[in-house]
Amino acid sequence: MTNIIDREAVQDLLATRQAQLVEVLPEAEYAWAHLPLAVNVPLAAIDRSAGEFDRSRPVIVYCHDWLCDLSPRAAHRLDRLGFPEVHDYAVGKMDWLSADLPYDGEAALVSQHVRRDPVTAVLDEPLDELAERIIADPAGLAVVVDADDVVQGVIGSRELKGADMSGTAEQAMRVGPTTVRPSEQLEPLIQRMDRAKVNHIVVTQVDGGLVGLFGLGDVRAQESESDLG
């Protein structure tokens, strides 16, 4: 019998039961990015590779995302081959990468370049105090979050202009700013930001929780330092 499990269960099985983690995507996709400790066994190679697995330990299979059917097919195949405990991390590695968790591989993702200490504010923070921190910060932007650290809005120079400084961050913020996940590929995002003439974008997890701030200036400064080195 196969079990569909979530990210937390994957982490628990790896930590407590030495589960075997298997990416069943083709080799090129595994090389792009994969979960730490995962081995690559494409679905077509499951039968001939099954002898390499330890049947006394749980096996976790995964593929790209919830639309990918390779991991459920692999899980059912291993079940048919007699493995006593097989788990399908059905939402796949994009769920893992979107949660800002470590990965191995050659992928250049936003998670590697996000600024994790942006100016933040709670909803009822006095705007006059917050404005000083915004002006002093290179990004010139504050991210407003609620008690659960979920992003509610942003405040930049445009929002500060003409705002009532006796009010709160919630009253001045721009609601519904565009966000991206840590799993966003770097170059396509840079191109989109260039076209839209956007210098900074908020990075969140899939639950809206704040990860940080991605800025074009930050990544280009890193590139310049790399060129000089």
Protein backbone atom coordinates (compact mmCIF):
# COMPACT_ATOMS: atom_id res chain seq x y z
CA MET A 1 0.00 0.00 0.00
CA THR A 2 1.36 3.43 -0.96
CA ASN A 3 0.80 6.55 1.10
CA ILE A 4 0.59 10.15 -0.13
CA ILE A 5 2.55 12.34 2.27
CA ASP A 6 3.33 16.03 2.69
CA ARG A 7 6.58 17.93 3.17
CA GLU A 8 6.55 17.64 6.96
CA ALA A 9 6.12 13.88 6.78
CA VAL A 10 9.05 13.65 4.34
CA GLN A 11 11.26 15.50 6.79
CA ASP A 12 10.09 13.33 9.68
CA LEU A 13 10.69 10.05 7.83
CA LEU A 14 14.16 11.17 6.79
CA ALA A 15 15.08 12.28 10.32
CA THR A 16 13.58 9.45 12.34
CA ARG A 17 13.52 6.37 10.10
CA GLN A 18 16.33 6.87 7.58
CA ALA A 19 13.89 6.81 4.69
CA GLN A 20 15.26 6.38 1.17
CA LEU A 21 14.46 9.41 -0.99
CA VAL A 22 14.11 8.79 -4.73
CA GLU A 23 13.52 11.31 -7.51
CA VAL A 24 11.92 9.50 -10.45
CA LEU A 25 12.36 12.28 -13.02
CA PRO A 26 14.85 12.07 -15.91
CA GLU A 27 18.52 12.73 -15.15
CA ALA A 28 18.55 16.28 -16.57
CA GLU A 29 15.71 17.37 -14.29
CA TYR A 30 17.42 15.77 -11.29
CA ALA A 31 20.63 17.65 -12.14
CA TRP A 32 18.70 20.93 -12.29
CA ALA A 33 17.53 20.63 -8.67
CA HIS A 34 16.79 17.83 -6.25
CA LEU A 35 16.18 17.31 -2.58
CA PRO A 36 19.30 16.72 -0.48
CA LEU A 37 20.08 13.00 -0.05
CA ALA A 38 17.81 12.05 -2.96
CA VAL A 39 19.03 9.53 -5.52
CA ASN A 40 17.90 9.58 -9.13
CA VAL A 41 16.06 6.55 -10.48
CA PRO A 42 13.92 7.50 -13.49
CA LEU A 43 10.62 5.65 -13.63
CA ALA A 44 11.74 3.51 -16.58
CA ALA A 45 14.63 2.20 -14.44
CA ILE A 46 12.59 1.35 -11.33
CA ASP A 47 12.42 -2.41 -11.95
CA ARG A 48 16.12 -2.92 -12.57
CA SER A 49 17.13 -0.57 -9.72
CA ALA A 50 14.75 -1.97 -7.11
CA GLY A 51 17.39 -4.39 -5.85
CA GLU A 52 19.52 -1.45 -4.71
CA PHE A 53 16.92 -0.30 -2.17
CA ASP A 54 16.76 -1.49 1.43
CA ARG A 55 13.35 -3.12 1.90
CA SER A 56 13.56 -2.67 5.67
CA ARG A 57 13.47 1.15 5.33
CA PRO A 58 10.68 3.35 3.97
CA VAL A 59 10.98 4.53 0.37
CA ILE A 60 9.82 8.03 -0.59
CA VAL A 61 9.38 8.79 -4.28
CA TYR A 62 8.72 12.22 -5.78
CA CYS A 63 8.72 14.01 -9.11
CA HIS A 64 8.17 17.64 -10.21
CA ASP A 65 4.81 18.78 -8.85
CA TRP A 66 1.25 17.62 -8.24
CA LEU A 67 0.53 17.57 -11.99
CA CYS A 68 3.34 15.08 -12.59
CA ASP A 69 2.22 11.44 -12.52
CA LEU A 70 5.66 9.80 -12.38
CA SER A 71 5.81 9.50 -8.59
CA PRO A 72 2.41 7.83 -8.12
CA ARG A 73 3.26 5.41 -10.92
CA ALA A 74 6.64 4.69 -9.32
CA ALA A 75 5.05 4.22 -5.90
CA HIS A 76 2.54 1.72 -7.24
CA ARG A 77 5.28 -0.10 -9.12
CA LEU A 78 7.39 -0.47 -5.98
CA ASP A 79 4.33 -1.68 -4.11
CA ARG A 80 3.78 -4.29 -6.82
CA LEU A 81 7.44 -5.33 -6.50
CA GLY A 82 6.86 -6.14 -2.85
CA PHE A 83 8.21 -3.13 -0.96
CA PRO A 84 6.40 -3.03 2.38
CA GLU A 85 6.39 0.76 2.89
CA VAL A 86 6.28 3.20 0.00
CA HIS A 87 5.38 6.88 0.25
CA ASP A 88 4.55 9.32 -2.53
CA TYR A 89 5.54 12.95 -1.94
CA ALA A 90 2.90 13.84 -4.49
CA VAL A 91 3.33 17.62 -4.64
CA GLY A 92 6.97 17.05 -5.54
CA LYS A 93 10.11 19.08 -5.47
CA MET A 94 8.44 22.36 -6.45
CA ASP A 95 6.63 22.25 -3.11
CA TRP A 96 9.98 21.74 -1.37
CA LEU A 97 11.71 24.55 -3.29
CA SER A 98 8.75 26.90 -2.76
CA ALA A 99 9.08 26.34 0.98
CA ASP A 100 12.62 27.81 0.87
CA LEU A 101 14.23 24.52 1.86
CA PRO A 102 17.79 23.49 0.87
CA TYR A 103 18.38 21.77 -2.43
CA ASP A 104 21.24 20.40 -4.50
CA GLY A 105 21.76 20.96 -8.19
CA GLU A 106 22.64 23.60 -10.74
CA ALA A 107 19.44 25.67 -10.61
CA ALA A 108 19.82 29.41 -10.04
CA LEU A 109 16.78 30.26 -7.94
CA VAL A 110 15.60 33.36 -6.11
CA SER A 111 16.18 31.56 -2.80
CA GLN A 112 19.93 31.97 -3.35
CA HIS A 113 19.70 35.74 -3.73
CA VAL A 114 16.84 36.86 -1.50
CA ARG A 115 17.54 39.48 1.13
CA ARG A 116 16.29 37.99 4.37
CA ASP A 117 16.45 41.09 6.54
CA PRO A 118 14.21 43.63 4.80
CA VAL A 119 12.48 46.38 6.72
CA THR A 120 9.28 44.88 8.14
CA ALA A 121 6.39 46.35 10.06
CA VAL A 122 3.34 45.08 11.89
CA LEU A 123 -0.07 46.39 10.94
CA ASP A 124 -0.51 48.78 13.86
CA GLU A 125 3.05 50.18 13.82
CA PRO A 126 3.11 54.00 13.95
CA LEU A 127 3.88 55.29 10.49
CA ASP A 128 6.11 58.13 11.63
CA GLU A 129 8.51 55.68 13.31
CA LEU A 130 8.42 53.29 10.37
CA ALA A 131 9.11 56.05 7.85
CA GLU A 132 12.53 56.69 9.35
CA ARG A 133 13.53 53.05 8.84
CA ILE A 134 12.22 53.02 5.29
CA ILE A 135 14.15 56.14 4.31
CA ALA A 136 17.36 54.81 5.90
CA ASP A 137 17.16 51.43 4.10
CA PRO A 138 18.76 51.00 0.64
CA ALA A 139 15.60 49.36 -0.73
CA GLY A 140 13.39 52.22 0.48
CA LEU A 141 10.62 49.72 1.12
CA ALA A 142 8.94 48.07 4.10
CA VAL A 143 6.96 44.84 4.05
CA VAL A 144 3.92 44.87 6.32
CA VAL A 145 3.02 41.53 7.92
CA ASP A 146 0.36 40.28 10.31
CA ALA A 147 0.80 38.31 13.53
CA ASP A 148 1.42 35.12 11.51
CA ASP A 149 4.14 36.81 9.42
CA VAL A 150 1.86 36.69 6.36
CA VAL A 151 2.43 39.57 3.95
CA GLN A 152 -0.34 42.17 4.01
CA GLY A 153 1.17 45.02 2.00
CA VAL A 154 4.17 47.21 1.28
CA ILE A 155 5.12 50.80 1.97
CA GLY A 156 7.59 52.70 -0.19
CA SER A 157 8.21 56.27 -1.17
CA ARG A 158 5.00 56.37 -3.20
CA GLU A 159 2.91 55.33 -0.18
CA LEU A 160 4.74 57.69 2.16
CA LYS A 161 4.13 60.67 -0.10
CA GLY A 162 1.13 62.50 1.27
CA ALA A 163 0.43 59.87 3.94
CA ASP A 164 -0.87 60.83 7.36
CA MET A 165 2.22 60.31 9.51
CA SER A 166 0.07 60.06 12.62
CA GLY A 167 -1.52 56.90 11.22
CA THR A 168 -0.44 53.27 11.12
CA ALA A 169 1.36 51.06 8.65
CA GLU A 170 -1.92 49.37 7.77
CA GLN A 171 -3.51 52.68 6.84
CA ALA A 172 -0.63 53.66 4.54
CA MET A 173 0.31 50.34 2.95
CA ARG A 174 -0.39 49.25 -0.61
CA VAL A 175 -2.46 46.08 -0.38
CA GLY A 176 -1.86 43.11 -2.67
CA PRO A 177 1.71 43.60 -3.87
CA THR A 178 3.06 41.11 -6.39
CA THR A 179 5.06 38.29 -4.81
CA VAL A 180 7.17 35.37 -6.05
CA ARG A 181 8.22 32.08 -4.49
CA PRO A 182 11.81 31.14 -3.54
CA SER A 183 11.61 28.53 -6.31
CA GLU A 184 11.39 31.20 -9.02
CA GLN A 185 14.16 30.88 -11.60
CA LEU A 186 16.45 33.88 -11.44
CA GLU A 187 16.99 34.94 -15.05
CA PRO A 188 13.34 34.91 -16.20
CA LEU A 189 12.39 36.92 -13.10
CA ILE A 190 15.10 39.50 -13.76
CA GLN A 191 13.84 39.88 -17.33
CA ARG A 192 10.24 40.37 -16.17
CA MET A 193 11.29 42.93 -13.58
CA ASP A 194 13.34 44.80 -16.17
CA ARG A 195 10.39 44.97 -18.54
CA ALA A 196 8.06 46.14 -15.78
CA LYS A 197 10.67 48.59 -14.44
CA VAL A 198 10.38 47.04 -10.98
CA ASN A 199 13.45 47.11 -8.73
CA HIS A 200 12.24 44.99 -5.80
CA ILE A 201 9.79 42.18 -5.31
CA VAL A 202 8.58 40.45 -2.15
CA VAL A 203 9.39 36.75 -1.79
CA THR A 204 6.91 34.56 0.09
CA GLN A 205 6.19 30.92 0.73
CA VAL A 206 3.01 29.38 -0.65
CA ASP A 207 1.15 30.23 2.58
CA GLY A 208 1.97 33.93 2.16
CA GLY A 209 4.63 33.88 4.87
CA LEU A 210 7.45 36.34 4.29
CA VAL A 211 10.80 34.99 3.10
CA GLY A 212 12.46 38.28 2.17
CA LEU A 213 12.99 40.81 -0.58
CA PHE A 214 14.61 40.32 -3.96
CA GLY A 215 16.25 43.36 -5.52
CA LEU A 216 17.80 43.78 -8.96
CA GLY A 217 20.50 45.98 -7.49
CA ASP A 218 21.51 43.31 -5.00
CA VAL A 219 21.96 40.55 -7.57
CA ARG A 220 23.78 42.84 -9.99
CA ALA A 221 26.15 43.94 -7.24
CA GLN A 222 26.88 40.27 -6.56
CA GLU A 223 27.55 39.71 -10.26
CA SER A 224 29.93 42.68 -10.35
CA GLU A 225 31.83 41.36 -7.34
CA SER A 226 32.06 37.97 -9.03
CA ASP A 227 33.42 39.54 -12.22
CA LEU A 228 36.04 41.46 -10.25
CA GLY A 229 37.07 38.29 -8.46
